C-alpha atoms as a PDB file:
ATOM      1  CA  UNK A   1      56.530 -15.437 -77.620  1.00  0.00           C
ATOM      2  CA  UNK A   2      59.947 -17.018 -78.016  1.00  0.00           C
ATOM      3  CA  UNK A   3      60.726 -20.636 -77.317  1.00  0.00           C
ATOM      4  CA  UNK A   4      62.785 -19.587 -74.263  1.00  0.00           C
ATOM      5  CA  UNK A   5      59.729 -17.975 -72.663  1.00  0.00           C
ATOM      6  CA  UNK A   6      57.556 -21.085 -72.741  1.00  0.00           C
ATOM      7  CA  UNK A   7      56.667 -22.603 -69.386  1.00  0.00           C
ATOM      8  CA  UNK A   8      58.921 -25.490 -68.334  1.00  0.00           C
ATOM      9  CA  UNK A   9      57.394 -28.963 -68.658  1.00  0.00           C
ATOM     10  CA  UNK A  10      57.482 -29.457 -64.893  1.00  0.00           C
ATOM     11  CA  UNK A  11      54.939 -26.625 -64.503  1.00  0.00           C
ATOM     12  CA  UNK A  12      52.425 -28.332 -66.836  1.00  0.00           C
ATOM     13  CA  UNK A  13      50.055 -31.182 -65.996  1.00  0.00           C
ATOM     14  CA  UNK A  14      47.944 -33.768 -67.776  1.00  0.00           C
ATOM     15  CA  UNK A  15      44.575 -32.454 -68.968  1.00  0.00           C
ATOM     16  CA  UNK A  16      42.800 -35.834 -68.912  1.00  0.00           C
ATOM     17  CA  UNK A  17      40.401 -35.792 -65.922  1.00  0.00           C
ATOM     18  CA  UNK A  18      40.601 -39.610 -65.679  1.00  0.00           C
ATOM     19  CA  UNK A  19      44.409 -39.631 -65.313  1.00  0.00           C
ATOM     20  CA  UNK A  20      45.888 -40.137 -61.849  1.00  0.00           C
ATOM     21  CA  UNK A  21      48.291 -37.246 -62.591  1.00  0.00           C
ATOM     22  CA  UNK A  22      45.547 -34.869 -63.813  1.00  0.00           C
ATOM     23  CA  UNK A  23      46.232 -31.313 -62.723  1.00  0.00           C
ATOM     24  CA  UNK A  24      49.401 -32.283 -60.848  1.00  0.00           C
ATOM     25  CA  UNK A  25      52.447 -30.474 -62.245  1.00  0.00           C
ATOM     26  CA  UNK A  26      55.974 -31.681 -61.589  1.00  0.00           C
ATOM     27  CA  UNK A  27      55.210 -35.414 -61.932  1.00  0.00           C
ATOM     28  CA  UNK A  28      57.775 -35.844 -64.756  1.00  0.00           C
ATOM     29  CA  UNK A  29      55.106 -37.658 -66.799  1.00  0.00           C
ATOM     30  CA  UNK A  30      54.923 -35.353 -69.836  1.00  0.00           C
ATOM     31  CA  UNK A  31      57.040 -35.476 -72.956  1.00  0.00           C
ATOM     32  CA  UNK A  32      57.077 -33.368 -76.096  1.00  0.00           C
ATOM     33  CA  UNK A  33      55.827 -35.200 -79.182  1.00  0.00           C
ATOM     34  CA  UNK A  34      56.193 -32.303 -81.604  1.00  0.00           C
ATOM     35  CA  UNK A  35      56.070 -28.547 -81.921  1.00  0.00           C
ATOM     36  CA  UNK A  36      53.694 -26.740 -84.234  1.00  0.00           C
ATOM     37  CA  UNK A  37      52.247 -23.370 -85.144  1.00  0.00           C
ATOM     38  CA  UNK A  38      54.019 -20.382 -86.566  1.00  0.00           C
ATOM     39  CA  UNK A  39      57.703 -20.679 -85.646  1.00  0.00           C
ATOM     40  CA  UNK A  40      56.985 -23.971 -83.788  1.00  0.00           C
ATOM     41  CA  UNK A  41      56.022 -22.144 -80.603  1.00  0.00           C
ATOM     42  CA  UNK A  42      53.335 -24.538 -79.387  1.00  0.00           C
ATOM     43  CA  UNK A  43      54.250 -27.931 -77.957  1.00  0.00           C
ATOM     44  CA  UNK A  44      52.126 -31.041 -78.380  1.00  0.00           C
ATOM     45  CA  UNK A  45      52.574 -33.216 -75.300  1.00  0.00           C
ATOM     46  CA  UNK A  46      51.897 -36.795 -74.279  1.00  0.00           C
ATOM     47  CA  UNK A  47      51.257 -38.016 -70.758  1.00  0.00           C
ATOM     48  CA  UNK A  48      53.285 -41.157 -70.015  1.00  0.00           C
ATOM     49  CA  UNK A  49      50.787 -42.184 -67.318  1.00  0.00           C
ATOM     50  CA  UNK A  50      47.553 -42.292 -69.350  1.00  0.00           C
ATOM     51  CA  UNK A  51      48.974 -41.964 -72.898  1.00  0.00           C
ATOM     52  CA  UNK A  52      46.747 -38.928 -73.664  1.00  0.00           C
ATOM     53  CA  UNK A  53      48.110 -36.412 -76.181  1.00  0.00           C
ATOM     54  CA  UNK A  54      47.217 -32.720 -75.952  1.00  0.00           C
ATOM     55  CA  UNK A  55      48.398 -29.221 -76.758  1.00  0.00           C
ATOM     56  CA  UNK A  56      50.080 -27.270 -73.989  1.00  0.00           C
ATOM     57  CA  UNK A  57      47.391 -24.635 -74.617  1.00  0.00           C
ATOM     58  CA  UNK A  58      44.522 -27.042 -73.910  1.00  0.00           C
ATOM     59  CA  UNK A  59      42.040 -25.601 -71.375  1.00  0.00           C
ATOM     60  CA  UNK A  60      43.315 -22.036 -71.874  1.00  0.00           C
ATOM     61  CA  UNK A  61      41.893 -19.090 -73.856  1.00  0.00           C
ATOM     62  CA  UNK A  62      44.758 -19.584 -76.332  1.00  0.00           C
ATOM     63  CA  UNK A  63      43.683 -23.094 -77.367  1.00  0.00           C
ATOM     64  CA  UNK A  64      42.842 -23.156 -81.106  1.00  0.00           C
ATOM     65  CA  UNK A  65      43.247 -19.378 -81.203  1.00  0.00           C
ATOM     66  CA  UNK A  66      43.673 -17.791 -84.613  1.00  0.00           C
ATOM     67  CA  UNK A  67      45.212 -14.564 -83.328  1.00  0.00           C
ATOM     68  CA  UNK A  68      48.798 -14.281 -82.099  1.00  0.00           C
ATOM     69  CA  UNK A  69      49.208 -14.491 -78.342  1.00  0.00           C
ATOM     70  CA  UNK A  70      50.297 -10.853 -78.061  1.00  0.00           C
ATOM     71  CA  UNK A  71      47.098  -9.638 -79.738  1.00  0.00           C
ATOM     72  CA  UNK A  72      44.898 -11.718 -77.429  1.00  0.00           C
ATOM     73  CA  UNK A  73      46.824 -10.334 -74.465  1.00  0.00           C
ATOM     74  CA  UNK A  74      46.227  -6.815 -75.802  1.00  0.00           C
ATOM     75  CA  UNK A  75      42.480  -7.452 -76.048  1.00  0.00           C
ATOM     76  CA  UNK A  76      42.441  -8.823 -72.490  1.00  0.00           C
ATOM     77  CA  UNK A  77      44.421  -5.850 -71.222  1.00  0.00           C
ATOM     78  CA  UNK A  78      42.032  -3.322 -72.773  1.00  0.00           C
ATOM     79  CA  UNK A  79      39.023  -5.165 -71.392  1.00  0.00           C
ATOM     80  CA  UNK A  80      40.587  -5.335 -67.923  1.00  0.00           C
ATOM     81  CA  UNK A  81      41.112  -1.557 -68.120  1.00  0.00           C
ATOM     82  CA  UNK A  82      37.300  -1.306 -68.418  1.00  0.00           C
ATOM     83  CA  UNK A  83      37.249  -0.471 -72.127  1.00  0.00           C
ATOM     84  CA  UNK A  84      34.037  -1.489 -73.860  1.00  0.00           C
ATOM     85  CA  UNK A  85      34.010  -3.886 -76.808  1.00  0.00           C
ATOM     86  CA  UNK A  86      33.871  -1.042 -79.314  1.00  0.00           C
ATOM     87  CA  UNK A  87      36.824   0.817 -77.788  1.00  0.00           C
ATOM     88  CA  UNK A  88      38.858  -2.361 -77.427  1.00  0.00           C
ATOM     89  CA  UNK A  89      38.153  -3.231 -81.061  1.00  0.00           C
ATOM     90  CA  UNK A  90      39.293   0.195 -82.213  1.00  0.00           C
ATOM     91  CA  UNK A  91      42.450   0.140 -80.087  1.00  0.00           C
ATOM     92  CA  UNK A  92      43.459  -3.402 -81.116  1.00  0.00           C
ATOM     93  CA  UNK A  93      42.347  -2.978 -84.757  1.00  0.00           C
ATOM     94  CA  UNK A  94      40.071  -6.030 -84.633  1.00  0.00           C
ATOM     95  CA  UNK A  95      36.344  -6.309 -85.191  1.00  0.00           C
ATOM     96  CA  UNK A  96      33.945  -5.940 -82.288  1.00  0.00           C
ATOM     97  CA  UNK A  97      32.891  -9.572 -82.809  1.00  0.00           C
ATOM     98  CA  UNK A  98      36.503 -10.746 -82.470  1.00  0.00           C
ATOM     99  CA  UNK A  99      36.864  -8.828 -79.211  1.00  0.00           C
ATOM    100  CA  UNK A 100      33.592 -10.330 -77.927  1.00  0.00           C
ATOM    101  CA  UNK A 101      34.744 -13.819 -78.919  1.00  0.00           C
ATOM    102  CA  UNK A 102      37.991 -13.573 -76.968  1.00  0.00           C
ATOM    103  CA  UNK A 103      36.267 -11.814 -74.054  1.00  0.00           C
ATOM    104  CA  UNK A 104      34.008 -14.870 -73.711  1.00  0.00           C
ATOM    105  CA  UNK A 105      36.937 -17.284 -73.895  1.00  0.00           C
ATOM    106  CA  UNK A 106      38.920 -15.315 -71.329  1.00  0.00           C
ATOM    107  CA  UNK A 107      35.855 -14.967 -69.085  1.00  0.00           C
ATOM    108  CA  UNK A 108      35.030 -18.688 -69.164  1.00  0.00           C
ATOM    109  CA  UNK A 109      38.633 -19.529 -68.359  1.00  0.00           C
ATOM    110  CA  UNK A 110      38.720 -17.052 -65.457  1.00  0.00           C
ATOM    111  CA  UNK A 111      35.475 -18.496 -64.078  1.00  0.00           C
ATOM    112  CA  UNK A 112      36.821 -22.053 -64.264  1.00  0.00           C
ATOM    113  CA  UNK A 113      40.082 -21.065 -62.576  1.00  0.00           C
ATOM    114  CA  UNK A 114      38.208 -19.345 -59.748  1.00  0.00           C
ATOM    115  CA  UNK A 115      35.830 -22.285 -59.277  1.00  0.00           C
END
């Protein structure tokens, strides 16, 4: 993922459930504190309303992920094509446990989004 492909700040929202701007994108309340990760691809943000700092990946399956984004997307794609854990592991060249781990993370996130 290149820096140009990151979502614009106005599409992101505060992750603090006690903030009045929680979950409301486009409020112009977020600012970038720093960038981190390999090639500085991940932004660390601060909400000007509640002063909470958080990663732009907070509350997503990519938060604290050890694998590159493209590899997690590949695992998700194979699982969505109805491949089993073993087949997905073989196709993505990761262990079955790694595939299960990310399947859980992706599943929990999907459940929360649908709720």
